[in-house]
Amino acid sequence: MGEFGAEDLRLCLGQDIGIAFLLPLALPYLEMDSYSEGMHYRGDLLCNVLRIDKEFHNDNPHYKDRAEILHHRAWDLISTLDEIDAECLRPALAEAAEEFSR
């Protein structure tokens, strides 16, 4: 599992596969680059982390806290992305953040 890349993590987390094992691998990617990407768009890994089952986040507040920090950092820095990446990410991140905060 240590060889999983951003796309592998995005896919599995997006399907709620192995969250307890894979989220700890995904967070360092995002802490290095909030906009780590799989094959869709910059920030797609973060969006899937924010969409993880709410019950998992509630049962693991240390992961939830880290995800929330990453989410805020991504919003704060979104203007540093090129225009196309920012326009693609904004609605996806907003939707994921809404799911995260419910």
PDB file of N, CA and C in Angstrom:
ATOM      1  N   MET A   1       0.811  -1.195   0.000  1.00  0.00           N
ATOM      2  CA  MET A   1       0.000   0.000   0.000  1.00  0.00           C
ATOM      3  C   MET A   1       0.853   1.257   0.000  1.00  0.00           C
ATOM      4  N   GLY A   2       2.088   1.176   0.473  1.00  0.00           N
ATOM      5  CA  GLY A   2       2.952   2.335   0.506  1.00  0.00           C
ATOM      6  C   GLY A   2       3.297   2.859  -0.869  1.00  0.00           C
ATOM      7  N   GLU A   3       3.003   2.100  -1.905  1.00  0.00           N
ATOM      8  CA  GLU A   3       3.302   2.503  -3.274  1.00  0.00           C
ATOM      9  C   GLU A   3       2.108   3.162  -3.953  1.00  0.00           C
ATOM     10  N   PHE A   4       1.040   3.382  -3.235  1.00  0.00           N
ATOM     11  CA  PHE A   4      -0.133   4.017  -3.811  1.00  0.00           C
ATOM     12  C   PHE A   4       0.207   5.457  -4.171  1.00  0.00           C
ATOM     13  N   GLY A   5      -0.191   5.858  -5.363  1.00  0.00           N
ATOM     14  CA  GLY A   5      -0.027   7.238  -5.781  1.00  0.00           C
ATOM     15  C   GLY A   5      -1.314   8.007  -5.547  1.00  0.00           C
ATOM     16  N   ALA A   6      -1.307   9.274  -5.903  1.00  0.00           N
ATOM     17  CA  ALA A   6      -2.473  10.128  -5.691  1.00  0.00           C
ATOM     18  C   ALA A   6      -3.707   9.589  -6.400  1.00  0.00           C
ATOM     19  N   GLU A   7      -3.549   9.070  -7.605  1.00  0.00           N
ATOM     20  CA  GLU A   7      -4.701   8.545  -8.346  1.00  0.00           C
ATOM     21  C   GLU A   7      -5.261   7.300  -7.671  1.00  0.00           C
ATOM     22  N   ASP A   8      -4.391   6.398  -7.230  1.00  0.00           N
ATOM     23  CA  ASP A   8      -4.850   5.193  -6.528  1.00  0.00           C
ATOM     24  C   ASP A   8      -5.632   5.583  -5.268  1.00  0.00           C
ATOM     25  N   LEU A   9      -5.084   6.528  -4.532  1.00  0.00           N
ATOM     26  CA  LEU A   9      -5.740   6.988  -3.308  1.00  0.00           C
ATOM     27  C   LEU A   9      -7.067   7.659  -3.616  1.00  0.00           C
ATOM     28  N   ARG A  10      -7.080   8.501  -4.636  1.00  0.00           N
ATOM     29  CA  ARG A  10      -8.318   9.192  -5.030  1.00  0.00           C
ATOM     30  C   ARG A  10      -9.407   8.184  -5.366  1.00  0.00           C
ATOM     31  N   LEU A  11      -9.043   7.189  -6.170  1.00  0.00           N
ATOM     32  CA  LEU A  11     -10.027   6.182  -6.583  1.00  0.00           C
ATOM     33  C   LEU A  11     -10.577   5.401  -5.398  1.00  0.00           C
ATOM     34  N   CYS A  12      -9.697   4.887  -4.573  1.00  0.00           N
ATOM     35  CA  CYS A  12     -10.136   4.056  -3.445  1.00  0.00           C
ATOM     36  C   CYS A  12     -10.918   4.866  -2.418  1.00  0.00           C
ATOM     37  N   LEU A  13     -10.428   6.034  -2.066  1.00  0.00           N
ATOM     38  CA  LEU A  13     -11.140   6.853  -1.088  1.00  0.00           C
ATOM     39  C   LEU A  13     -12.487   7.302  -1.631  1.00  0.00           C
ATOM     40  N   GLY A  14     -12.546   7.569  -2.924  1.00  0.00           N
ATOM     41  CA  GLY A  14     -13.802   7.972  -3.547  1.00  0.00           C
ATOM     42  C   GLY A  14     -14.841   6.871  -3.548  1.00  0.00           C
ATOM     43  N   GLN A  15     -14.384   5.628  -3.379  1.00  0.00           N
ATOM     44  CA  GLN A  15     -15.300   4.485  -3.316  1.00  0.00           C
ATOM     45  C   GLN A  15     -15.409   3.924  -1.903  1.00  0.00           C
ATOM     46  N   ASP A  16     -14.892   4.679  -0.933  1.00  0.00           N
ATOM     47  CA  ASP A  16     -14.910   4.267   0.474  1.00  0.00           C
ATOM     48  C   ASP A  16     -14.230   2.922   0.690  1.00  0.00           C
ATOM     49  N   ILE A  17     -13.145   2.694  -0.032  1.00  0.00           N
ATOM     50  CA  ILE A  17     -12.380   1.453   0.103  1.00  0.00           C
ATOM     51  C   ILE A  17     -11.163   1.723   0.976  1.00  0.00           C
ATOM     52  N   GLY A  18     -11.045   0.981   2.050  1.00  0.00           N
ATOM     53  CA  GLY A  18      -9.855   1.030   2.890  1.00  0.00           C
ATOM     54  C   GLY A  18      -9.553   2.380   3.504  1.00  0.00           C
ATOM     55  N   ILE A  19     -10.582   3.111   3.872  1.00  0.00           N
ATOM     56  CA  ILE A  19     -10.385   4.476   4.370  1.00  0.00           C
ATOM     57  C   ILE A  19      -9.410   4.514   5.543  1.00  0.00           C
ATOM     58  N   ALA A  20      -9.586   3.613   6.490  1.00  0.00           N
ATOM     59  CA  ALA A  20      -8.745   3.636   7.695  1.00  0.00           C
ATOM     60  C   ALA A  20      -7.270   3.439   7.368  1.00  0.00           C
ATOM     61  N   PHE A  21      -6.979   2.742   6.275  1.00  0.00           N
ATOM     62  CA  PHE A  21      -5.595   2.491   5.887  1.00  0.00           C
ATOM     63  C   PHE A  21      -5.066   3.513   4.890  1.00  0.00           C
ATOM     64  N   LEU A  22      -5.947   4.013   4.040  1.00  0.00           N
ATOM     65  CA  LEU A  22      -5.505   4.872   2.946  1.00  0.00           C
ATOM     66  C   LEU A  22      -5.519   6.365   3.276  1.00  0.00           C
ATOM     67  N   LEU A  23      -6.425   6.788   4.145  1.00  0.00           N
ATOM     68  CA  LEU A  23      -6.434   8.203   4.503  1.00  0.00           C
ATOM     69  C   LEU A  23      -5.105   8.644   5.119  1.00  0.00           C
ATOM     70  N   PRO A  24      -4.498   7.830   6.010  1.00  0.00           N
ATOM     71  CA  PRO A  24      -3.188   8.232   6.541  1.00  0.00           C
ATOM     72  C   PRO A  24      -2.104   8.337   5.461  1.00  0.00           C
ATOM     73  N   LEU A  25      -2.280   7.661   4.339  1.00  0.00           N
ATOM     74  CA  LEU A  25      -1.339   7.788   3.224  1.00  0.00           C
ATOM     75  C   LEU A  25      -1.644   9.028   2.387  1.00  0.00           C
ATOM     76  N   ALA A  26      -2.921   9.387   2.287  1.00  0.00           N
ATOM     77  CA  ALA A  26      -3.321  10.524   1.457  1.00  0.00           C
ATOM     78  C   ALA A  26      -2.980  11.868   2.104  1.00  0.00           C
ATOM     79  N   LEU A  27      -3.114  11.958   3.404  1.00  0.00           N
ATOM     80  CA  LEU A  27      -2.916  13.248   4.066  1.00  0.00           C
ATOM     81  C   LEU A  27      -1.518  13.828   3.859  1.00  0.00           C
ATOM     82  N   PRO A  28      -0.439  13.039   3.922  1.00  0.00           N
ATOM     83  CA  PRO A  28       0.879  13.623   3.649  1.00  0.00           C
ATOM     84  C   PRO A  28       1.011  14.185   2.227  1.00  0.00           C
ATOM     85  N   TYR A  29       0.388  13.522   1.238  1.00  0.00           N
ATOM     86  CA  TYR A  29       0.379  14.080  -0.123  1.00  0.00           C
ATOM     87  C   TYR A  29      -0.215  15.478  -0.090  1.00  0.00           C
ATOM     88  N   LEU A  30      -1.349  15.594   0.595  1.00  0.00           N
ATOM     89  CA  LEU A  30      -2.073  16.861   0.622  1.00  0.00           C
ATOM     90  C   LEU A  30      -1.372  17.902   1.476  1.00  0.00           C
ATOM     91  N   GLU A  31      -0.677  17.475   2.501  1.00  0.00           N
ATOM     92  CA  GLU A  31       0.055  18.427   3.331  1.00  0.00           C
ATOM     93  C   GLU A  31       1.262  18.996   2.582  1.00  0.00           C
ATOM     94  N   MET A  32       1.784  18.225   1.644  1.00  0.00           N
ATOM     95  CA  MET A  32       2.869  18.738   0.797  1.00  0.00           C
ATOM     96  C   MET A  32       2.318  19.626  -0.313  1.00  0.00           C
ATOM     97  N   ASP A  33       1.141  19.253  -0.836  1.00  0.00           N
ATOM     98  CA  ASP A  33       0.518  19.992  -1.931  1.00  0.00           C
ATOM     99  C   ASP A  33      -0.991  19.814  -1.820  1.00  0.00           C
ATOM    100  N   SER A  34      -1.675  20.844  -1.376  1.00  0.00           N
ATOM    101  CA  SER A  34      -3.135  20.771  -1.199  1.00  0.00           C
ATOM    102  C   SER A  34      -3.843  20.388  -2.492  1.00  0.00           C
ATOM    103  N   TYR A  35      -3.197  20.631  -3.592  1.00  0.00           N
ATOM    104  CA  TYR A  35      -3.816  20.384  -4.896  1.00  0.00           C
ATOM    105  C   TYR A  35      -3.296  19.113  -5.550  1.00  0.00           C
ATOM    106  N   SER A  36      -2.795  18.176  -4.744  1.00  0.00           N
ATOM    107  CA  SER A  36      -2.378  16.880  -5.301  1.00  0.00           C
ATOM    108  C   SER A  36      -3.519  16.348  -6.146  1.00  0.00           C
ATOM    109  N   GLU A  37      -3.140  15.770  -7.258  1.00  0.00           N
ATOM    110  CA  GLU A  37      -4.190  15.355  -8.185  1.00  0.00           C
ATOM    111  C   GLU A  37      -3.994  13.931  -8.652  1.00  0.00           C
ATOM    112  N   GLY A  38      -5.129  13.319  -8.930  1.00  0.00           N
ATOM    113  CA  GLY A  38      -5.132  12.042  -9.609  1.00  0.00           C
ATOM    114  C   GLY A  38      -5.166  12.335 -11.101  1.00  0.00           C
ATOM    115  N   MET A  39      -6.149  11.782 -11.783  1.00  0.00           N
ATOM    116  CA  MET A  39      -6.206  11.959 -13.229  1.00  0.00           C
ATOM    117  C   MET A  39      -7.303  12.927 -13.681  1.00  0.00           C
ATOM    118  N   HIS A  40      -8.004  13.541 -12.745  1.00  0.00           N
ATOM    119  CA  HIS A  40      -9.119  14.394 -13.154  1.00  0.00           C
ATOM    120  C   HIS A  40      -8.762  15.872 -13.174  1.00  0.00           C
ATOM    121  N   TYR A  41      -8.435  16.425 -12.034  1.00  0.00           N
ATOM    122  CA  TYR A  41      -8.156  17.858 -11.947  1.00  0.00           C
ATOM    123  C   TYR A  41      -7.333  18.110 -10.702  1.00  0.00           C
ATOM    124  N   ARG A  42      -6.649  19.238 -10.677  1.00  0.00           N
ATOM    125  CA  ARG A  42      -5.865  19.597  -9.491  1.00  0.00           C
ATOM    126  C   ARG A  42      -6.818  19.678  -8.305  1.00  0.00           C
ATOM    127  N   GLY A  43      -6.447  19.030  -7.217  1.00  0.00           N
ATOM    128  CA  GLY A  43      -7.268  19.054  -6.012  1.00  0.00           C
ATOM    129  C   GLY A  43      -8.273  17.928  -5.907  1.00  0.00           C
ATOM    130  N   ASP A  44      -8.295  17.017  -6.888  1.00  0.00           N
ATOM    131  CA  ASP A  44      -9.302  15.949  -6.840  1.00  0.00           C
ATOM    132  C   ASP A  44      -9.099  15.008  -5.655  1.00  0.00           C
ATOM    133  N   LEU A  45      -7.866  14.811  -5.217  1.00  0.00           N
ATOM    134  CA  LEU A  45      -7.626  13.969  -4.045  1.00  0.00           C
ATOM    135  C   LEU A  45      -8.234  14.622  -2.799  1.00  0.00           C
ATOM    136  N   LEU A  46      -8.025  15.913  -2.616  1.00  0.00           N
ATOM    137  CA  LEU A  46      -8.597  16.614  -1.467  1.00  0.00           C
ATOM    138  C   LEU A  46     -10.120  16.529  -1.488  1.00  0.00           C
ATOM    139  N   CYS A  47     -10.707  16.706  -2.638  1.00  0.00           N
ATOM    140  CA  CYS A  47     -12.169  16.630  -2.729  1.00  0.00           C
ATOM    141  C   CYS A  47     -12.670  15.266  -2.259  1.00  0.00           C
ATOM    142  N   ASN A  48     -11.985  14.192  -2.645  1.00  0.00           N
ATOM    143  CA  ASN A  48     -12.420  12.873  -2.195  1.00  0.00           C
ATOM    144  C   ASN A  48     -12.169  12.670  -0.707  1.00  0.00           C
ATOM    145  N   VAL A  49     -11.117  13.244  -0.177  1.00  0.00           N
ATOM    146  CA  VAL A  49     -10.877  13.169   1.276  1.00  0.00           C
ATOM    147  C   VAL A  49     -12.020  13.871   2.009  1.00  0.00           C
ATOM    148  N   LEU A  50     -12.460  14.998   1.514  1.00  0.00           N
ATOM    149  CA  LEU A  50     -13.549  15.727   2.161  1.00  0.00           C
ATOM    150  C   LEU A  50     -14.876  14.992   2.040  1.00  0.00           C
ATOM    151  N   ARG A  51     -15.012  14.142   1.027  1.00  0.00           N
ATOM    152  CA  ARG A  51     -16.265  13.405   0.806  1.00  0.00           C
ATOM    153  C   ARG A  51     -16.317  12.072   1.555  1.00  0.00           C
ATOM    154  N   ILE A  52     -15.263  11.740   2.265  1.00  0.00           N
ATOM    155  CA  ILE A  52     -15.255  10.479   3.013  1.00  0.00           C
ATOM    156  C   ILE A  52     -16.446  10.443   3.952  1.00  0.00           C
ATOM    157  N   ASP A  53     -16.937   9.250   4.156  1.00  0.00           N
ATOM    158  CA  ASP A  53     -18.081   9.014   5.023  1.00  0.00           C
ATOM    159  C   ASP A  53     -17.999   9.833   6.309  1.00  0.00           C
ATOM    160  N   LYS A  54     -19.039  10.588   6.566  1.00  0.00           N
ATOM    161  CA  LYS A  54     -19.082  11.486   7.721  1.00  0.00           C
ATOM    162  C   LYS A  54     -18.854  10.728   9.034  1.00  0.00           C
ATOM    163  N   GLU A  55     -19.381   9.537   9.126  1.00  0.00           N
ATOM    164  CA  GLU A  55     -19.212   8.741  10.344  1.00  0.00           C
ATOM    165  C   GLU A  55     -17.729   8.460  10.608  1.00  0.00           C
ATOM    166  N   PHE A  56     -16.972   8.178   9.536  1.00  0.00           N
ATOM    167  CA  PHE A  56     -15.538   7.941   9.713  1.00  0.00           C
ATOM    168  C   PHE A  56     -14.859   9.196  10.261  1.00  0.00           C
ATOM    169  N   HIS A  57     -15.166  10.333   9.669  1.00  0.00           N
ATOM    170  CA  HIS A  57     -14.573  11.585  10.151  1.00  0.00           C
ATOM    171  C   HIS A  57     -14.952  11.856  11.607  1.00  0.00           C
ATOM    172  N   ASN A  58     -16.205  11.602  11.961  1.00  0.00           N
ATOM    173  CA  ASN A  58     -16.641  11.846  13.330  1.00  0.00           C
ATOM    174  C   ASN A  58     -15.968  10.899  14.319  1.00  0.00           C
ATOM    175  N   ASP A  59     -15.703   9.671  13.884  1.00  0.00           N
ATOM    176  CA  ASP A  59     -15.023   8.690  14.741  1.00  0.00           C
ATOM    177  C   ASP A  59     -13.520   8.922  14.816  1.00  0.00           C
ATOM    178  N   ASN A  60     -12.987   9.722  13.921  1.00  0.00           N
ATOM    179  CA  ASN A  60     -11.544   9.975  13.843  1.00  0.00           C
ATOM    180  C   ASN A  60     -11.281  11.475  13.754  1.00  0.00           C
ATOM    181  N   PRO A  61     -11.532  12.191  14.844  1.00  0.00           N
ATOM    182  CA  PRO A  61     -11.429  13.653  14.790  1.00  0.00           C
ATOM    183  C   PRO A  61     -10.036  14.159  14.420  1.00  0.00           C
ATOM    184  N   HIS A  62      -8.991  13.389  14.687  1.00  0.00           N
ATOM    185  CA  HIS A  62      -7.643  13.836  14.318  1.00  0.00           C
ATOM    186  C   HIS A  62      -7.497  13.901  12.800  1.00  0.00           C
ATOM    187  N   TYR A  63      -8.122  12.975  12.084  1.00  0.00           N
ATOM    188  CA  TYR A  63      -8.102  13.037  10.621  1.00  0.00           C
ATOM    189  C   TYR A  63      -9.023  14.141  10.120  1.00  0.00           C
ATOM    190  N   LYS A  64     -10.166  14.280  10.775  1.00  0.00           N
ATOM    191  CA  LYS A  64     -11.115  15.328  10.379  1.00  0.00           C
ATOM    192  C   LYS A  64     -10.476  16.707  10.531  1.00  0.00           C
ATOM    193  N   ASP A  65      -9.774  16.913  11.637  1.00  0.00           N
ATOM    194  CA  ASP A  65      -9.112  18.201  11.867  1.00  0.00           C
ATOM    195  C   ASP A  65      -8.076  18.484  10.790  1.00  0.00           C
ATOM    196  N   ARG A  66      -7.296  17.472  10.439  1.00  0.00           N
ATOM    197  CA  ARG A  66      -6.281  17.666   9.388  1.00  0.00           C
ATOM    198  C   ARG A  66      -6.944  17.970   8.049  1.00  0.00           C
ATOM    199  N   ALA A  67      -8.030  17.266   7.738  1.00  0.00           N
ATOM    200  CA  ALA A  67      -8.735  17.506   6.475  1.00  0.00           C
ATOM    201  C   ALA A  67      -9.309  18.918   6.439  1.00  0.00           C
ATOM    202  N   GLU A  68      -9.819  19.373   7.565  1.00  0.00           N
ATOM    203  CA  GLU A  68     -10.374  20.727   7.624  1.00  0.00           C
ATOM    204  C   GLU A  68      -9.295  21.784   7.410  1.00  0.00           C
ATOM    205  N   ILE A  69      -8.136  21.587   8.001  1.00  0.00           N
ATOM    206  CA  ILE A  69      -7.016  22.508   7.797  1.00  0.00           C
ATOM    207  C   ILE A  69      -6.617  22.535   6.327  1.00  0.00           C
ATOM    208  N   LEU A  70      -6.546  21.363   5.717  1.00  0.00           N
ATOM    209  CA  LEU A  70      -6.187  21.280   4.295  1.00  0.00           C
ATOM    210  C   LEU A  70      -7.225  21.972   3.425  1.00  0.00           C
ATOM    211  N   HIS A  71      -8.478  21.795   3.768  1.00  0.00           N
ATOM    212  CA  HIS A  71      -9.554  22.438   3.011  1.00  0.00           C
ATOM    213  C   HIS A  71      -9.416  23.959   3.063  1.00  0.00           C
ATOM    214  N   HIS A  72      -9.199  24.495   4.258  1.00  0.00           N
ATOM    215  CA  HIS A  72      -9.063  25.952   4.386  1.00  0.00           C
ATOM    216  C   HIS A  72      -7.818  26.456   3.663  1.00  0.00           C
ATOM    217  N   ARG A  73      -6.739  25.703   3.748  1.00  0.00           N
ATOM    218  CA  ARG A  73      -5.519  26.113   3.040  1.00  0.00           C
ATOM    219  C   ARG A  73      -5.740  26.119   1.535  1.00  0.00           C
ATOM    220  N   ALA A  74      -6.445  25.114   1.036  1.00  0.00           N
ATOM    221  CA  ALA A  74      -6.728  25.060  -0.408  1.00  0.00           C
ATOM    222  C   ALA A  74      -7.548  26.269  -0.849  1.00  0.00           C
ATOM    223  N   TRP A  75      -8.568  26.636  -0.060  1.00  0.00           N
ATOM    224  CA  TRP A  75      -9.363  27.819  -0.403  1.00  0.00           C
ATOM    225  C   TRP A  75      -8.519  29.080  -0.367  1.00  0.00           C
ATOM    226  N   ASP A  76      -7.682  29.182   0.657  1.00  0.00           N
ATOM    227  CA  ASP A  76      -6.855  30.383   0.803  1.00  0.00           C
ATOM    228  C   ASP A  76      -5.873  30.558  -0.348  1.00  0.00           C
ATOM    229  N   LEU A  77      -5.435  29.455  -0.915  1.00  0.00           N
ATOM    230  CA  LEU A  77      -4.396  29.515  -1.956  1.00  0.00           C
ATOM    231  C   LEU A  77      -4.928  29.295  -3.373  1.00  0.00           C
ATOM    232  N   ILE A  78      -6.234  29.153  -3.519  1.00  0.00           N
ATOM    233  CA  ILE A  78      -6.780  28.819  -4.836  1.00  0.00           C
ATOM    234  C   ILE A  78      -6.429  29.874  -5.893  1.00  0.00           C
ATOM    235  N   SER A  79      -6.252  31.103  -5.479  1.00  0.00           N
ATOM    236  CA  SER A  79      -5.916  32.160  -6.444  1.00  0.00           C
ATOM    237  C   SER A  79      -4.498  31.990  -6.998  1.00  0.00           C
ATOM    238  N   THR A  80      -3.691  31.129  -6.388  1.00  0.00           N
ATOM    239  CA  THR A  80      -2.338  30.892  -6.894  1.00  0.00           C
ATOM    240  C   THR A  80      -2.329  29.900  -8.053  1.00  0.00           C
ATOM    241  N   LEU A  81      -3.442  29.209  -8.262  1.00  0.00           N
ATOM    242  CA  LEU A  81      -3.539  28.269  -9.382  1.00  0.00           C
ATOM    243  C   LEU A  81      -3.750  29.043 -10.675  1.00  0.00           C
ATOM    244  N   ASP A  82      -3.422  28.411 -11.781  1.00  0.00           N
ATOM    245  CA  ASP A  82      -3.738  29.091 -13.035  1.00  0.00           C
ATOM    246  C   ASP A  82      -5.256  29.131 -13.193  1.00  0.00           C
ATOM    247  N   GLU A  83      -5.722  29.991 -14.037  1.00  0.00           N
ATOM    248  CA  GLU A  83      -7.148  30.273 -14.158  1.00  0.00           C
ATOM    249  C   GLU A  83      -7.979  29.033 -14.458  1.00  0.00           C
ATOM    250  N   ILE A  84      -7.515  28.199 -15.348  1.00  0.00           N
ATOM    251  CA  ILE A  84      -8.277  26.997 -15.726  1.00  0.00           C
ATOM    252  C   ILE A  84      -8.380  26.036 -14.550  1.00  0.00           C
ATOM    253  N   ASP A  85      -7.252  25.787 -13.863  1.00  0.00           N
ATOM    254  CA  ASP A  85      -7.285  24.893 -12.703  1.00  0.00           C
ATOM    255  C   ASP A  85      -8.197  25.447 -11.611  1.00  0.00           C
ATOM    256  N   ALA A  86      -8.104  26.734 -11.351  1.00  0.00           N
ATOM    257  CA  ALA A  86      -8.927  27.347 -10.309  1.00  0.00           C
ATOM    258  C   ALA A  86     -10.410  27.261 -10.656  1.00  0.00           C
ATOM    259  N   GLU A  87     -10.761  27.532 -11.905  1.00  0.00           N
ATOM    260  CA  GLU A  87     -12.159  27.465 -12.325  1.00  0.00           C
ATOM    261  C   GLU A  87     -12.702  26.051 -12.247  1.00  0.00           C
ATOM    262  N   CYS A  88     -11.873  25.073 -12.504  1.00  0.00           N
ATOM    263  CA  CYS A  88     -12.284  23.675 -12.419  1.00  0.00           C
ATOM    264  C   CYS A  88     -12.445  23.241 -10.966  1.00  0.00           C
ATOM    265  N   LEU A  89     -11.537  23.680 -10.122  1.00  0.00           N
ATOM    266  CA  LEU A  89     -11.525  23.236  -8.732  1.00  0.00           C
ATOM    267  C   LEU A  89     -12.589  23.909  -7.875  1.00  0.00           C
ATOM    268  N   ARG A  90     -12.859  25.177  -8.094  1.00  0.00           N
ATOM    269  CA  ARG A  90     -13.772  25.914  -7.206  1.00  0.00           C
ATOM    270  C   ARG A  90     -15.099  25.190  -6.966  1.00  0.00           C
ATOM    271  N   PRO A  91     -15.853  24.831  -8.016  1.00  0.00           N
ATOM    272  CA  PRO A  91     -17.148  24.187  -7.746  1.00  0.00           C
ATOM    273  C   PRO A  91     -16.998  22.802  -7.108  1.00  0.00           C
ATOM    274  N   ALA A  92     -15.980  22.060  -7.506  1.00  0.00           N
ATOM    275  CA  ALA A  92     -15.775  20.731  -6.926  1.00  0.00           C
ATOM    276  C   ALA A  92     -15.411  20.831  -5.448  1.00  0.00           C
ATOM    277  N   LEU A  93     -14.545  21.770  -5.120  1.00  0.00           N
ATOM    278  CA  LEU A  93     -14.136  21.952  -3.735  1.00  0.00           C
ATOM    279  C   LEU A  93     -15.294  22.482  -2.886  1.00  0.00           C
ATOM    280  N   ALA A  94     -16.083  23.368  -3.448  1.00  0.00           N
ATOM    281  CA  ALA A  94     -17.245  23.894  -2.719  1.00  0.00           C
ATOM    282  C   ALA A  94     -18.240  22.779  -2.413  1.00  0.00           C
ATOM    283  N   GLU A  95     -18.490  21.936  -3.386  1.00  0.00           N
ATOM    284  CA  GLU A  95     -19.419  20.819  -3.189  1.00  0.00           C
ATOM    285  C   GLU A  95     -18.875  19.832  -2.149  1.00  0.00           C
ATOM    286  N   ALA A  96     -17.593  19.505  -2.256  1.00  0.00           N
ATOM    287  CA  ALA A  96     -16.985  18.579  -1.305  1.00  0.00           C
ATOM    288  C   ALA A  96     -16.986  19.171   0.100  1.00  0.00           C
ATOM    289  N   ALA A  97     -16.703  20.458   0.202  1.00  0.00           N
ATOM    290  CA  ALA A  97     -16.700  21.127   1.510  1.00  0.00           C
ATOM    291  C   ALA A  97     -18.099  21.131   2.133  1.00  0.00           C
ATOM    292  N   GLU A  98     -19.107  21.294   1.303  1.00  0.00           N
ATOM    293  CA  GLU A  98     -20.479  21.266   1.801  1.00  0.00           C
ATOM    294  C   GLU A  98     -20.804  19.885   2.360  1.00  0.00           C
ATOM    295  N   GLU A  99     -20.401  18.828   1.647  1.00  0.00           N
ATOM    296  CA  GLU A  99     -20.628  17.468   2.150  1.00  0.00           C
ATOM    297  C   GLU A  99     -19.863  17.243   3.450  1.00  0.00           C
ATOM    298  N   PHE A 100     -18.639  17.758   3.521  1.00  0.00           N
ATOM    299  CA  PHE A 100     -17.781  17.591   4.697  1.00  0.00           C
ATOM    300  C   PHE A 100     -18.401  18.259   5.921  1.00  0.00           C
ATOM    301  N   SER A 101     -19.027  19.414   5.731  1.00  0.00           N
ATOM    302  CA  SER A 101     -19.525  20.184   6.866  1.00  0.00           C
ATOM    303  C   SER A 101     -20.927  19.760   7.321  1.00  0.00           C
ATOM    304  N   ARG A 102     -21.561  18.875   6.606  1.00  0.00           N
ATOM    305  CA  ARG A 102     -22.921  18.431   7.000  1.00  0.00           C
ATOM    306  C   ARG A 102     -22.876  17.564   8.220  1.00  0.00           C
TER     307      ARG A 102
END
